[in-house]
Amino acid sequence: MKIACLSFTDKGFLLGERISAINSTIYTIDHFANSKLESGVGSFLKKYWSLYDGFIFISATGIAIRMINPYIESKTKDPAIVVVDDMGKYSISLLSGHLGGANEMAKVIGENIGAISVITTSSDNRGIDSLDIFAKRNNLHMENMDSITKITAMMVNEKKIGLYSEILQDLNYNHLEIVEDLNSIDRSLDGIIIISSKVDLGTIPIPYTVLRPKNINIGIGCRKGIEAEEIIKAITVSLMNKNLSINSVKAMGTIEVKKNEIGIIKASEHFKCPLKIYSIEDIKEIEDMFQKSQFVKDTIGVYSVSEPCAYLLGGELITGKARYNGVTISITRVGG
């Protein structure tokens, strides 16, 4: 994380130098003293707010609050804000404690300068997982922050919460009940956390939130020079036909002959997932397991591309070879 440390007093400057010298593989800390900035910290924030992952204010909390107020948007976008008094007694997580990482940053600073770390988020003080941190730690996509907040509030108030998941997950919460079937939800539950790649979950009779696991792999073959829009459309339609969320795509795979296809590369960027390239030898070892095409063999050197690539990415094959205007798609799912 790229962090800006901002100091305002002489003692604060010395403390800022100590903080910026913290040896960390996670944080890169740049120190700026208000007196040495041409137009002060106010102008600095206006220019650099979006360029840093977090800010450390060596000041009173009131100063920090007033200065950051014009730039605050939402808990999913705001940078981490930590306040340290210029005597180095307290390291306070002020904003974006969970998703932004301010809670952890406050702890690291406290440990390094001998300050007391002040964390006020309810879930942390109760020793339970907040859902946003749980999702971040397990690479789960959060679709609705309002529902995340609602279920987390229930957990803070020690309500009985269900957990349905397609993949193995360990949620730190004492009042948790595992749900095996969404069609048979215990009505005594106050809410439920659903970790699923399925778009249509049926009728959920109690408050719920959905987290999307990254458990869908996609094998791709395509005609030479095909546009990225066609590949993206083919993947989207194929997922929709199987009631699968685009937010659950984990990885895409294709054969080495297609590794420079701009359409495939852009499609992987669109779905924000890695693109795995497999050699002809990789595919030849397993191609007898799948439907064969002599045309593909004569053109590329193997009988099939999308199905073997999806299989090699891992999981259970849930589609065969689906064709869409010059694109072939095959899908595997891990778990569920």
C-alpha atoms as a PDB file:
ATOM      1  CA  MET A   1       0.000   0.000   0.000  1.00  0.00           C
ATOM      2  CA  LYS A   2       1.202   3.468  -0.853  1.00  0.00           C
ATOM      3  CA  ILE A   3       0.740   5.708   2.194  1.00  0.00           C
ATOM      4  CA  ALA A   4       1.205   9.457   2.749  1.00  0.00           C
ATOM      5  CA  CYS A   5       2.180  10.499   6.284  1.00  0.00           C
ATOM      6  CA  LEU A   6       1.290  14.131   7.040  1.00  0.00           C
ATOM      7  CA  SER A   7       2.749  16.060   9.993  1.00  0.00           C
ATOM      8  CA  PHE A   8       1.998  19.546  11.340  1.00  0.00           C
ATOM      9  CA  THR A   9       4.295  20.256  14.309  1.00  0.00           C
ATOM     10  CA  ASP A  10       8.011  19.919  15.089  1.00  0.00           C
ATOM     11  CA  LYS A  11       7.395  16.866  17.265  1.00  0.00           C
ATOM     12  CA  GLY A  12       5.058  15.538  14.605  1.00  0.00           C
ATOM     13  CA  PHE A  13       7.805  15.896  11.996  1.00  0.00           C
ATOM     14  CA  LEU A  14      10.199  13.778  14.039  1.00  0.00           C
ATOM     15  CA  LEU A  15       7.504  11.149  14.570  1.00  0.00           C
ATOM     16  CA  GLY A  16       6.671  11.216  10.868  1.00  0.00           C
ATOM     17  CA  GLU A  17      10.289  10.446  10.050  1.00  0.00           C
ATOM     18  CA  ARG A  18      10.119   7.417  12.364  1.00  0.00           C
ATOM     19  CA  ILE A  19       6.873   6.207  10.837  1.00  0.00           C
ATOM     20  CA  SER A  20       8.078   6.613   7.259  1.00  0.00           C
ATOM     21  CA  ALA A  21      11.140   4.523   8.160  1.00  0.00           C
ATOM     22  CA  ILE A  22       9.031   1.521   9.255  1.00  0.00           C
ATOM     23  CA  ASN A  23      10.372  -1.578   7.545  1.00  0.00           C
ATOM     24  CA  SER A  24       7.394  -3.245   5.899  1.00  0.00           C
ATOM     25  CA  THR A  25       6.657  -5.412   2.878  1.00  0.00           C
ATOM     26  CA  ILE A  26       3.073  -4.094   2.892  1.00  0.00           C
ATOM     27  CA  TYR A  27       3.475  -0.330   3.270  1.00  0.00           C
ATOM     28  CA  THR A  28       5.502   2.273   1.414  1.00  0.00           C
ATOM     29  CA  ILE A  29       5.241   5.453   3.494  1.00  0.00           C
ATOM     30  CA  ASP A  30       6.072   8.934   2.158  1.00  0.00           C
ATOM     31  CA  HIS A  31       6.362  11.687   4.779  1.00  0.00           C
ATOM     32  CA  PHE A  32       5.246  15.269   4.086  1.00  0.00           C
ATOM     33  CA  ALA A  33       5.479  18.110   6.611  1.00  0.00           C
ATOM     34  CA  ASN A  34       2.847  20.828   6.336  1.00  0.00           C
ATOM     35  CA  SER A  35       5.475  23.585   6.632  1.00  0.00           C
ATOM     36  CA  LYS A  36       7.491  22.180   3.753  1.00  0.00           C
ATOM     37  CA  LEU A  37       4.592  21.847   1.317  1.00  0.00           C
ATOM     38  CA  GLU A  38       4.213  24.870  -0.928  1.00  0.00           C
ATOM     39  CA  SER A  39       0.478  25.276  -0.273  1.00  0.00           C
ATOM     40  CA  GLY A  40       0.123  23.092   2.797  1.00  0.00           C
ATOM     41  CA  VAL A  41      -1.563  19.760   3.429  1.00  0.00           C
ATOM     42  CA  GLY A  42      -4.962  21.022   2.220  1.00  0.00           C
ATOM     43  CA  SER A  43      -3.731  21.508  -1.334  1.00  0.00           C
ATOM     44  CA  PHE A  44      -1.724  18.298  -1.137  1.00  0.00           C
ATOM     45  CA  LEU A  45      -4.863  16.284  -0.328  1.00  0.00           C
ATOM     46  CA  LYS A  46      -6.810  17.863  -3.160  1.00  0.00           C
ATOM     47  CA  LYS A  47      -4.100  16.832  -5.622  1.00  0.00           C
ATOM     48  CA  TYR A  48      -3.078  13.435  -4.263  1.00  0.00           C
ATOM     49  CA  TRP A  49      -6.182  12.008  -2.537  1.00  0.00           C
ATOM     50  CA  SER A  50      -6.836   9.451  -5.276  1.00  0.00           C
ATOM     51  CA  LEU A  51      -3.153   8.549  -5.716  1.00  0.00           C
ATOM     52  CA  TYR A  52      -2.551   7.108  -2.248  1.00  0.00           C
ATOM     53  CA  ASP A  53      -4.064   4.013  -0.642  1.00  0.00           C
ATOM     54  CA  GLY A  54      -4.011   5.619   2.781  1.00  0.00           C
ATOM     55  CA  PHE A  55      -3.070   8.669   4.845  1.00  0.00           C
ATOM     56  CA  ILE A  56      -1.554   9.010   8.301  1.00  0.00           C
ATOM     57  CA  PHE A  57      -2.303  12.312  10.032  1.00  0.00           C
ATOM     58  CA  ILE A  58       0.052  13.200  12.871  1.00  0.00           C
ATOM     59  CA  SER A  59      -2.423  15.604  14.383  1.00  0.00           C
ATOM     60  CA  ALA A  60      -5.618  15.924  16.378  1.00  0.00           C
ATOM     61  CA  THR A  61      -8.507  13.835  15.037  1.00  0.00           C
ATOM     62  CA  GLY A  62     -10.501  17.034  14.464  1.00  0.00           C
ATOM     63  CA  ILE A  63      -7.892  18.339  12.019  1.00  0.00           C
ATOM     64  CA  ALA A  64      -7.946  15.090  10.085  1.00  0.00           C
ATOM     65  CA  ILE A  65     -11.751  14.962   9.951  1.00  0.00           C
ATOM     66  CA  ARG A  66     -12.067  18.515   8.635  1.00  0.00           C
ATOM     67  CA  MET A  67      -9.387  18.008   6.006  1.00  0.00           C
ATOM     68  CA  ILE A  68     -10.668  14.718   4.602  1.00  0.00           C
ATOM     69  CA  ASN A  69     -14.369  15.615   4.743  1.00  0.00           C
ATOM     70  CA  PRO A  70     -14.642  17.004   1.159  1.00  0.00           C
ATOM     71  CA  TYR A  71     -13.216  13.800  -0.341  1.00  0.00           C
ATOM     72  CA  ILE A  72     -15.056  11.019   1.507  1.00  0.00           C
ATOM     73  CA  GLU A  73     -17.247   8.895  -0.810  1.00  0.00           C
ATOM     74  CA  SER A  74     -18.018   5.397   0.502  1.00  0.00           C
ATOM     75  CA  LYS A  75     -16.512   2.517   2.465  1.00  0.00           C
ATOM     76  CA  THR A  76     -15.696   0.695  -0.785  1.00  0.00           C
ATOM     77  CA  LYS A  77     -13.720   3.627  -2.209  1.00  0.00           C
ATOM     78  CA  ASP A  78     -12.246   5.629   0.671  1.00  0.00           C
ATOM     79  CA  PRO A  79      -8.539   5.271   1.508  1.00  0.00           C
ATOM     80  CA  ALA A  80      -7.370   4.150   4.928  1.00  0.00           C
ATOM     81  CA  ILE A  81      -7.090   7.032   7.396  1.00  0.00           C
ATOM     82  CA  VAL A  82      -5.069   6.725  10.612  1.00  0.00           C
ATOM     83  CA  VAL A  83      -4.501   9.512  13.146  1.00  0.00           C
ATOM     84  CA  VAL A  84      -1.462   9.570  15.471  1.00  0.00           C
ATOM     85  CA  ASP A  85      -1.053  12.282  18.117  1.00  0.00           C
ATOM     86  CA  ASP A  86       2.289  14.086  17.856  1.00  0.00           C
ATOM     87  CA  MET A  87       3.451  12.618  21.170  1.00  0.00           C
ATOM     88  CA  GLY A  88       3.073   9.140  19.713  1.00  0.00           C
ATOM     89  CA  LYS A  89       0.729   7.865  22.443  1.00  0.00           C
ATOM     90  CA  TYR A  90      -2.162   6.703  20.265  1.00  0.00           C
ATOM     91  CA  SER A  91      -2.560   5.232  16.784  1.00  0.00           C
ATOM     92  CA  ILE A  92      -6.228   5.613  15.841  1.00  0.00           C
ATOM     93  CA  SER A  93      -8.039   3.930  12.960  1.00  0.00           C
ATOM     94  CA  LEU A  94     -10.324   6.741  11.769  1.00  0.00           C
ATOM     95  CA  LEU A  95     -11.748   5.764   8.368  1.00  0.00           C
ATOM     96  CA  SER A  96     -12.000   2.694   6.124  1.00  0.00           C
ATOM     97  CA  GLY A  97     -10.895   0.369   8.888  1.00  0.00           C
ATOM     98  CA  HIS A  98     -11.905  -2.863   7.171  1.00  0.00           C
ATOM     99  CA  LEU A  99     -11.818  -2.649   3.368  1.00  0.00           C
ATOM    100  CA  GLY A 100      -9.285   0.169   3.293  1.00  0.00           C
ATOM    101  CA  GLY A 101      -7.062  -1.503   5.871  1.00  0.00           C
ATOM    102  CA  ALA A 102      -6.888   1.313   8.438  1.00  0.00           C
ATOM    103  CA  ASN A 103      -7.375  -1.061  11.386  1.00  0.00           C
ATOM    104  CA  GLU A 104      -4.363  -3.146  10.458  1.00  0.00           C
ATOM    105  CA  MET A 105      -2.305  -0.069   9.602  1.00  0.00           C
ATOM    106  CA  ALA A 106      -3.077   1.482  13.004  1.00  0.00           C
ATOM    107  CA  LYS A 107      -1.910  -1.715  14.691  1.00  0.00           C
ATOM    108  CA  VAL A 108       1.346  -1.827  12.689  1.00  0.00           C
ATOM    109  CA  ILE A 109       2.123   1.805  13.473  1.00  0.00           C
ATOM    110  CA  GLY A 110       1.317   1.274  17.150  1.00  0.00           C
ATOM    111  CA  GLU A 111       3.626  -1.739  17.354  1.00  0.00           C
ATOM    112  CA  ASN A 112       6.479   0.160  15.705  1.00  0.00           C
ATOM    113  CA  ILE A 113       6.351   3.407  17.691  1.00  0.00           C
ATOM    114  CA  GLY A 114       5.076   2.025  21.011  1.00  0.00           C
ATOM    115  CA  ALA A 115       1.634   3.641  20.738  1.00  0.00           C
ATOM    116  CA  ILE A 116      -1.714   2.260  21.858  1.00  0.00           C
ATOM    117  CA  SER A 117      -3.732   1.176  18.823  1.00  0.00           C
ATOM    118  CA  VAL A 118      -7.321   2.391  18.982  1.00  0.00           C
ATOM    119  CA  ILE A 119      -9.798   0.296  16.969  1.00  0.00           C
ATOM    120  CA  THR A 120     -13.474   1.173  17.365  1.00  0.00           C
ATOM    121  CA  THR A 121     -15.188  -1.135  14.845  1.00  0.00           C
ATOM    122  CA  SER A 122     -17.681  -3.334  16.709  1.00  0.00           C
ATOM    123  CA  SER A 123     -16.814  -6.652  15.040  1.00  0.00           C
ATOM    124  CA  ASP A 124     -13.102  -6.331  15.810  1.00  0.00           C
ATOM    125  CA  ASN A 125     -13.739  -5.537  19.458  1.00  0.00           C
ATOM    126  CA  ARG A 126     -16.002  -8.570  19.746  1.00  0.00           C
ATOM    127  CA  GLY A 127     -13.470 -10.886  18.120  1.00  0.00           C
ATOM    128  CA  ILE A 128     -15.747 -11.831  15.205  1.00  0.00           C
ATOM    129  CA  ASP A 129     -15.296 -11.583  11.462  1.00  0.00           C
ATOM    130  CA  SER A 130     -16.891  -8.577   9.793  1.00  0.00           C
ATOM    131  CA  LEU A 131     -18.304  -9.704   6.455  1.00  0.00           C
ATOM    132  CA  ASP A 132     -16.362  -7.169   4.409  1.00  0.00           C
ATOM    133  CA  ILE A 133     -13.036  -8.328   5.848  1.00  0.00           C
ATOM    134  CA  PHE A 134     -14.130 -11.971   5.564  1.00  0.00           C
ATOM    135  CA  ALA A 135     -14.960 -11.393   1.888  1.00  0.00           C
ATOM    136  CA  LYS A 136     -11.704  -9.569   1.224  1.00  0.00           C
ATOM    137  CA  ARG A 137      -9.637 -12.270   2.930  1.00  0.00           C
ATOM    138  CA  ASN A 138     -11.313 -15.042   0.942  1.00  0.00           C
ATOM    139  CA  ASN A 139     -11.492 -13.217  -2.411  1.00  0.00           C
ATOM    140  CA  LEU A 140     -15.298 -13.119  -2.394  1.00  0.00           C
ATOM    141  CA  HIS A 141     -17.100 -10.505  -4.463  1.00  0.00           C
ATOM    142  CA  MET A 142     -19.572  -8.368  -2.488  1.00  0.00           C
ATOM    143  CA  GLU A 143     -22.621  -7.521  -4.573  1.00  0.00           C
ATOM    144  CA  ASN A 144     -24.604  -5.381  -2.145  1.00  0.00           C
ATOM    145  CA  MET A 145     -22.945  -3.381   0.627  1.00  0.00           C
ATOM    146  CA  ASP A 146     -26.262  -2.521   2.289  1.00  0.00           C
ATOM    147  CA  SER A 147     -27.015  -6.203   2.859  1.00  0.00           C
ATOM    148  CA  ILE A 148     -23.427  -6.752   4.067  1.00  0.00           C
ATOM    149  CA  THR A 149     -23.906  -3.990   6.646  1.00  0.00           C
ATOM    150  CA  LYS A 150     -27.285  -5.388   7.724  1.00  0.00           C
ATOM    151  CA  ILE A 151     -26.014  -8.933   8.317  1.00  0.00           C
ATOM    152  CA  THR A 152     -22.847  -7.676  10.041  1.00  0.00           C
ATOM    153  CA  ALA A 153     -25.032  -5.612  12.394  1.00  0.00           C
ATOM    154  CA  MET A 154     -26.969  -8.785  13.227  1.00  0.00           C
ATOM    155  CA  MET A 155     -23.703 -10.529  14.034  1.00  0.00           C
ATOM    156  CA  VAL A 156     -22.602  -7.678  16.279  1.00  0.00           C
ATOM    157  CA  ASN A 157     -25.910  -8.122  18.129  1.00  0.00           C
ATOM    158  CA  GLU A 158     -25.294 -11.882  18.423  1.00  0.00           C
ATOM    159  CA  LYS A 159     -28.184 -12.933  16.218  1.00  0.00           C
ATOM    160  CA  LYS A 160     -28.486 -16.449  14.832  1.00  0.00           C
ATOM    161  CA  ILE A 161     -26.993 -16.415  11.324  1.00  0.00           C
ATOM    162  CA  GLY A 162     -26.968 -19.155   8.682  1.00  0.00           C
ATOM    163  CA  LEU A 163     -24.130 -19.851   6.243  1.00  0.00           C
ATOM    164  CA  TYR A 164     -24.646 -21.560   2.885  1.00  0.00           C
ATOM    165  CA  SER A 165     -21.485 -21.982   0.815  1.00  0.00           C
ATOM    166  CA  GLU A 166     -20.421 -23.747  -2.372  1.00  0.00           C
ATOM    167  CA  ILE A 167     -16.839 -23.762  -1.154  1.00  0.00           C
ATOM    168  CA  LEU A 168     -15.213 -24.491   2.200  1.00  0.00           C
ATOM    169  CA  GLN A 169     -15.147 -21.386   4.372  1.00  0.00           C
ATOM    170  CA  ASP A 170     -14.375 -20.761   8.019  1.00  0.00           C
ATOM    171  CA  LEU A 171     -16.295 -17.794   9.422  1.00  0.00           C
ATOM    172  CA  ASN A 172     -15.390 -16.723  12.962  1.00  0.00           C
ATOM    173  CA  TYR A 173     -18.806 -16.316  14.582  1.00  0.00           C
ATOM    174  CA  ASN A 174     -20.238 -18.189  17.569  1.00  0.00           C
ATOM    175  CA  HIS A 175     -23.908 -18.088  16.557  1.00  0.00           C
ATOM    176  CA  LEU A 176     -23.508 -19.641  13.121  1.00  0.00           C
ATOM    177  CA  GLU A 177     -25.594 -22.449  11.628  1.00  0.00           C
ATOM    178  CA  ILE A 178     -24.526 -24.245   8.464  1.00  0.00           C
ATOM    179  CA  VAL A 179     -27.271 -24.424   5.836  1.00  0.00           C
ATOM    180  CA  GLU A 180     -27.057 -27.323   3.378  1.00  0.00           C
ATOM    181  CA  ASP A 181     -30.093 -26.505   1.199  1.00  0.00           C
ATOM    182  CA  LEU A 182     -31.477 -23.076   0.339  1.00  0.00           C
ATOM    183  CA  ASN A 183     -34.883 -24.664  -0.207  1.00  0.00           C
ATOM    184  CA  SER A 184     -35.008 -25.726   3.443  1.00  0.00           C
ATOM    185  CA  ILE A 185     -33.910 -22.679   5.419  1.00  0.00           C
ATOM    186  CA  ASP A 186     -34.618 -22.715   9.149  1.00  0.00           C
ATOM    187  CA  ARG A 187     -37.080 -19.855   9.719  1.00  0.00           C
ATOM    188  CA  SER A 188     -35.675 -19.315  13.198  1.00  0.00           C
ATOM    189  CA  LEU A 189     -32.530 -17.861  11.627  1.00  0.00           C
ATOM    190  CA  ASP A 190     -32.325 -14.065  11.762  1.00  0.00           C
ATOM    191  CA  GLY A 191     -30.334 -13.873   8.540  1.00  0.00           C
ATOM    192  CA  ILE A 192     -28.187 -15.886   6.159  1.00  0.00           C
ATOM    193  CA  ILE A 193     -24.883 -15.464   4.330  1.00  0.00           C
ATOM    194  CA  ILE A 194     -24.945 -17.112   0.888  1.00  0.00           C
ATOM    195  CA  ILE A 195     -21.666 -17.871  -0.848  1.00  0.00           C
ATOM    196  CA  SER A 196     -22.713 -18.975  -4.305  1.00  0.00           C
ATOM    197  CA  SER A 197     -21.948 -18.501  -7.990  1.00  0.00           C
ATOM    198  CA  LYS A 198     -25.635 -19.006  -8.875  1.00  0.00           C
ATOM    199  CA  VAL A 199     -27.540 -15.914  -9.983  1.00  0.00           C
ATOM    200  CA  ASP A 200     -31.077 -17.165  -9.334  1.00  0.00           C
ATOM    201  CA  LEU A 201     -31.128 -18.482  -5.775  1.00  0.00           C
ATOM    202  CA  GLY A 202     -34.863 -18.902  -5.527  1.00  0.00           C
ATOM    203  CA  THR A 203     -36.947 -17.307  -2.782  1.00  0.00           C
ATOM    204  CA  ILE A 204     -34.962 -16.551   0.371  1.00  0.00           C
ATOM    205  CA  PRO A 205     -37.496 -16.011   3.199  1.00  0.00           C
ATOM    206  CA  ILE A 206     -35.160 -14.188   5.610  1.00  0.00           C
ATOM    207  CA  PRO A 207     -32.682 -11.271   5.299  1.00  0.00           C
ATOM    208  CA  TYR A 208     -29.608 -12.348   3.361  1.00  0.00           C
ATOM    209  CA  THR A 209     -26.455 -11.229   1.636  1.00  0.00           C
ATOM    210  CA  VAL A 210     -24.711 -12.863  -1.318  1.00  0.00           C
ATOM    211  CA  LEU A 211     -20.966 -13.254  -1.689  1.00  0.00           C
ATOM    212  CA  ARG A 212     -19.637 -14.536  -4.998  1.00  0.00           C
ATOM    213  CA  PRO A 213     -16.823 -17.092  -4.787  1.00  0.00           C
ATOM    214  CA  LYS A 214     -14.184 -17.144  -7.509  1.00  0.00           C
ATOM    215  CA  ASN A 215     -14.886 -20.739  -8.545  1.00  0.00           C
ATOM    216  CA  ILE A 216     -15.762 -20.586 -12.251  1.00  0.00           C
ATOM    217  CA  ASN A 217     -13.128 -21.416 -14.873  1.00  0.00           C
ATOM    218  CA  ILE A 218     -13.578 -20.854 -18.586  1.00  0.00           C
ATOM    219  CA  GLY A 219     -11.833 -22.596 -21.484  1.00  0.00           C
ATOM    220  CA  ILE A 220     -11.840 -20.634 -24.755  1.00  0.00           C
ATOM    221  CA  GLY A 221     -11.222 -21.388 -28.407  1.00  0.00           C
ATOM    222  CA  CYS A 222     -11.900 -18.876 -31.151  1.00  0.00           C
ATOM    223  CA  ARG A 223     -11.582 -17.963 -34.784  1.00  0.00           C
ATOM    224  CA  LYS A 224      -8.452 -15.960 -35.613  1.00  0.00           C
ATOM    225  CA  GLY A 225      -8.821 -12.202 -35.178  1.00  0.00           C
ATOM    226  CA  ILE A 226     -12.251 -12.277 -33.558  1.00  0.00           C
ATOM    227  CA  GLU A 227     -13.191  -9.127 -31.643  1.00  0.00           C
ATOM    228  CA  ALA A 228     -13.104  -9.003 -27.855  1.00  0.00           C
ATOM    229  CA  GLU A 229     -16.761  -7.928 -27.773  1.00  0.00           C
ATOM    230  CA  GLU A 230     -17.773 -11.232 -29.370  1.00  0.00           C
ATOM    231  CA  ILE A 231     -15.773 -13.259 -26.870  1.00  0.00           C
ATOM    232  CA  ILE A 232     -17.136 -11.270 -23.913  1.00  0.00           C
ATOM    233  CA  LYS A 233     -20.669 -11.740 -25.223  1.00  0.00           C
ATOM    234  CA  ALA A 234     -20.100 -15.490 -25.703  1.00  0.00           C
ATOM    235  CA  ILE A 235     -18.821 -15.878 -22.131  1.00  0.00           C
ATOM    236  CA  THR A 236     -21.640 -13.770 -20.686  1.00  0.00           C
ATOM    237  CA  VAL A 237     -24.349 -15.720 -22.541  1.00  0.00           C
ATOM    238  CA  SER A 238     -22.771 -19.050 -21.637  1.00  0.00           C
ATOM    239  CA  LEU A 239     -22.687 -18.102 -17.950  1.00  0.00           C
ATOM    240  CA  MET A 240     -26.249 -16.798 -18.070  1.00  0.00           C
ATOM    241  CA  ASN A 241     -27.461 -20.041 -19.641  1.00  0.00           C
ATOM    242  CA  LYS A 242     -25.993 -21.914 -16.676  1.00  0.00           C
ATOM    243  CA  ASN A 243     -27.338 -19.462 -14.067  1.00  0.00           C
ATOM    244  CA  LEU A 244     -23.802 -18.377 -13.152  1.00  0.00           C
ATOM    245  CA  SER A 245     -22.545 -14.958 -12.071  1.00  0.00           C
ATOM    246  CA  ILE A 246     -19.895 -13.115 -14.068  1.00  0.00           C
ATOM    247  CA  ASN A 247     -18.464 -12.066 -10.693  1.00  0.00           C
ATOM    248  CA  SER A 248     -17.498 -15.675  -9.972  1.00  0.00           C
ATOM    249  CA  VAL A 249     -15.092 -16.041 -12.896  1.00  0.00           C
ATOM    250  CA  LYS A 250     -11.765 -17.224 -11.485  1.00  0.00           C
ATOM    251  CA  ALA A 251      -9.614 -17.828 -14.569  1.00  0.00           C
ATOM    252  CA  MET A 252      -9.651 -18.282 -18.334  1.00  0.00           C
ATOM    253  CA  GLY A 253      -7.552 -20.685 -20.372  1.00  0.00           C
ATOM    254  CA  THR A 254      -6.648 -21.240 -24.006  1.00  0.00           C
ATOM    255  CA  ILE A 255      -4.045 -22.947 -26.161  1.00  0.00           C
ATOM    256  CA  GLU A 256      -0.599 -21.476 -26.882  1.00  0.00           C
ATOM    257  CA  VAL A 257      -1.513 -20.915 -30.553  1.00  0.00           C
ATOM    258  CA  LYS A 258      -4.062 -18.358 -29.327  1.00  0.00           C
ATOM    259  CA  LYS A 259      -1.902 -16.675 -26.671  1.00  0.00           C
ATOM    260  CA  ASN A 260      -1.563 -13.463 -28.709  1.00  0.00           C
ATOM    261  CA  GLU A 261      -5.227 -13.172 -29.681  1.00  0.00           C
ATOM    262  CA  ILE A 262      -6.113  -9.614 -28.636  1.00  0.00           C
ATOM    263  CA  GLY A 263      -9.772 -10.560 -28.241  1.00  0.00           C
ATOM    264  CA  ILE A 264      -8.991 -13.253 -25.667  1.00  0.00           C
ATOM    265  CA  ILE A 265      -6.521 -11.035 -23.813  1.00  0.00           C
ATOM    266  CA  LYS A 266      -9.041  -8.175 -23.602  1.00  0.00           C
ATOM    267  CA  ALA A 267     -11.772 -10.585 -22.486  1.00  0.00           C
ATOM    268  CA  SER A 268      -9.630 -11.754 -19.558  1.00  0.00           C
ATOM    269  CA  GLU A 269      -9.031  -8.116 -18.636  1.00  0.00           C
ATOM    270  CA  HIS A 270     -12.752  -7.423 -18.854  1.00  0.00           C
ATOM    271  CA  PHE A 271     -13.542 -10.223 -16.402  1.00  0.00           C
ATOM    272  CA  LYS A 272     -10.528  -9.242 -14.256  1.00  0.00           C
ATOM    273  CA  CYS A 273      -9.106 -12.739 -14.210  1.00  0.00           C
ATOM    274  CA  PRO A 274      -5.794 -14.364 -15.153  1.00  0.00           C
ATOM    275  CA  LEU A 275      -5.346 -16.003 -18.554  1.00  0.00           C
ATOM    276  CA  LYS A 276      -3.648 -19.405 -18.480  1.00  0.00           C
ATOM    277  CA  ILE A 277      -1.934 -20.650 -21.622  1.00  0.00           C
ATOM    278  CA  TYR A 278      -1.671 -24.403 -22.266  1.00  0.00           C
ATOM    279  CA  SER A 279       0.712 -26.116 -24.674  1.00  0.00           C
ATOM    280  CA  ILE A 280      -0.332 -28.559 -27.386  1.00  0.00           C
ATOM    281  CA  GLU A 281       1.397 -31.277 -25.330  1.00  0.00           C
ATOM    282  CA  ASP A 282      -0.722 -30.381 -22.266  1.00  0.00           C
ATOM    283  CA  ILE A 283      -3.902 -30.814 -24.270  1.00  0.00           C
ATOM    284  CA  LYS A 284      -2.837 -33.945 -26.150  1.00  0.00           C
ATOM    285  CA  GLU A 285      -2.491 -35.781 -22.846  1.00  0.00           C
ATOM    286  CA  ILE A 286      -6.220 -35.424 -22.113  1.00  0.00           C
ATOM    287  CA  GLU A 287      -7.906 -34.714 -25.465  1.00  0.00           C
ATOM    288  CA  ASP A 288      -9.312 -38.255 -25.753  1.00  0.00           C
ATOM    289  CA  MET A 289     -11.671 -37.385 -22.896  1.00  0.00           C
ATOM    290  CA  PHE A 290     -13.571 -34.886 -25.034  1.00  0.00           C
ATOM    291  CA  GLN A 291     -15.497 -34.517 -28.274  1.00  0.00           C
ATOM    292  CA  LYS A 292     -13.131 -34.393 -31.251  1.00  0.00           C
ATOM    293  CA  SER A 293     -13.061 -32.142 -34.294  1.00  0.00           C
ATOM    294  CA  GLN A 294     -10.904 -33.097 -37.271  1.00  0.00           C
ATOM    295  CA  PHE A 295     -11.065 -29.502 -38.511  1.00  0.00           C
ATOM    296  CA  VAL A 296      -9.595 -28.222 -35.241  1.00  0.00           C
ATOM    297  CA  LYS A 297      -6.957 -30.962 -35.378  1.00  0.00           C
ATOM    298  CA  ASP A 298      -5.947 -29.996 -38.932  1.00  0.00           C
ATOM    299  CA  THR A 299      -5.894 -26.289 -38.038  1.00  0.00           C
ATOM    300  CA  ILE A 300      -4.286 -26.229 -34.573  1.00  0.00           C
ATOM    301  CA  GLY A 301      -2.816 -29.670 -33.927  1.00  0.00           C
ATOM    302  CA  VAL A 302      -5.260 -30.938 -31.295  1.00  0.00           C
ATOM    303  CA  TYR A 303      -8.844 -32.161 -31.538  1.00  0.00           C
ATOM    304  CA  SER A 304     -10.315 -29.717 -29.019  1.00  0.00           C
ATOM    305  CA  VAL A 305      -9.405 -26.508 -27.184  1.00  0.00           C
ATOM    306  CA  SER A 306     -12.100 -25.135 -24.884  1.00  0.00           C
ATOM    307  CA  GLU A 307     -13.016 -28.337 -23.021  1.00  0.00           C
ATOM    308  CA  PRO A 308      -9.434 -29.479 -22.290  1.00  0.00           C
ATOM    309  CA  CYS A 309      -8.447 -25.950 -21.215  1.00  0.00           C
ATOM    310  CA  ALA A 310     -11.427 -25.660 -18.866  1.00  0.00           C
ATOM    311  CA  TYR A 311     -10.644 -29.105 -17.452  1.00  0.00           C
ATOM    312  CA  LEU A 312      -6.992 -28.217 -16.904  1.00  0.00           C
ATOM    313  CA  LEU A 313      -8.016 -25.072 -15.003  1.00  0.00           C
ATOM    314  CA  GLY A 314      -9.734 -27.318 -12.468  1.00  0.00           C
ATOM    315  CA  GLY A 315     -13.199 -28.148 -11.240  1.00  0.00           C
ATOM    316  CA  GLU A 316     -16.119 -30.124 -12.612  1.00  0.00           C
ATOM    317  CA  LEU A 317     -16.995 -29.640 -16.290  1.00  0.00           C
ATOM    318  CA  ILE A 318     -20.548 -28.269 -16.309  1.00  0.00           C
ATOM    319  CA  THR A 319     -20.796 -27.390 -19.999  1.00  0.00           C
ATOM    320  CA  GLY A 320     -19.572 -29.177 -23.069  1.00  0.00           C
ATOM    321  CA  LYS A 321     -18.418 -27.180 -26.077  1.00  0.00           C
ATOM    322  CA  ALA A 322     -20.780 -24.221 -26.563  1.00  0.00           C
ATOM    323  CA  ARG A 323     -20.391 -22.349 -29.858  1.00  0.00           C
ATOM    324  CA  TYR A 324     -21.135 -18.649 -30.371  1.00  0.00           C
ATOM    325  CA  ASN A 325     -20.258 -17.046 -33.737  1.00  0.00           C
ATOM    326  CA  GLY A 326     -16.663 -18.224 -33.966  1.00  0.00           C
ATOM    327  CA  VAL A 327     -16.102 -18.653 -30.216  1.00  0.00           C
ATOM    328  CA  THR A 328     -16.200 -21.910 -28.251  1.00  0.00           C
ATOM    329  CA  ILE A 329     -16.741 -21.821 -24.492  1.00  0.00           C
ATOM    330  CA  SER A 330     -16.478 -24.554 -21.874  1.00  0.00           C
ATOM    331  CA  ILE A 331     -17.039 -24.007 -18.156  1.00  0.00           C
ATOM    332  CA  THR A 332     -15.874 -25.791 -15.015  1.00  0.00           C
ATOM    333  CA  ARG A 333     -16.907 -25.051 -11.444  1.00  0.00           C
ATOM    334  CA  VAL A 334     -14.946 -25.745  -8.270  1.00  0.00           C
ATOM    335  CA  GLY A 335     -17.301 -26.979  -5.542  1.00  0.00           C
ATOM    336  CA  GLY A 336     -21.062 -26.507  -5.377  1.00  0.00           C
END
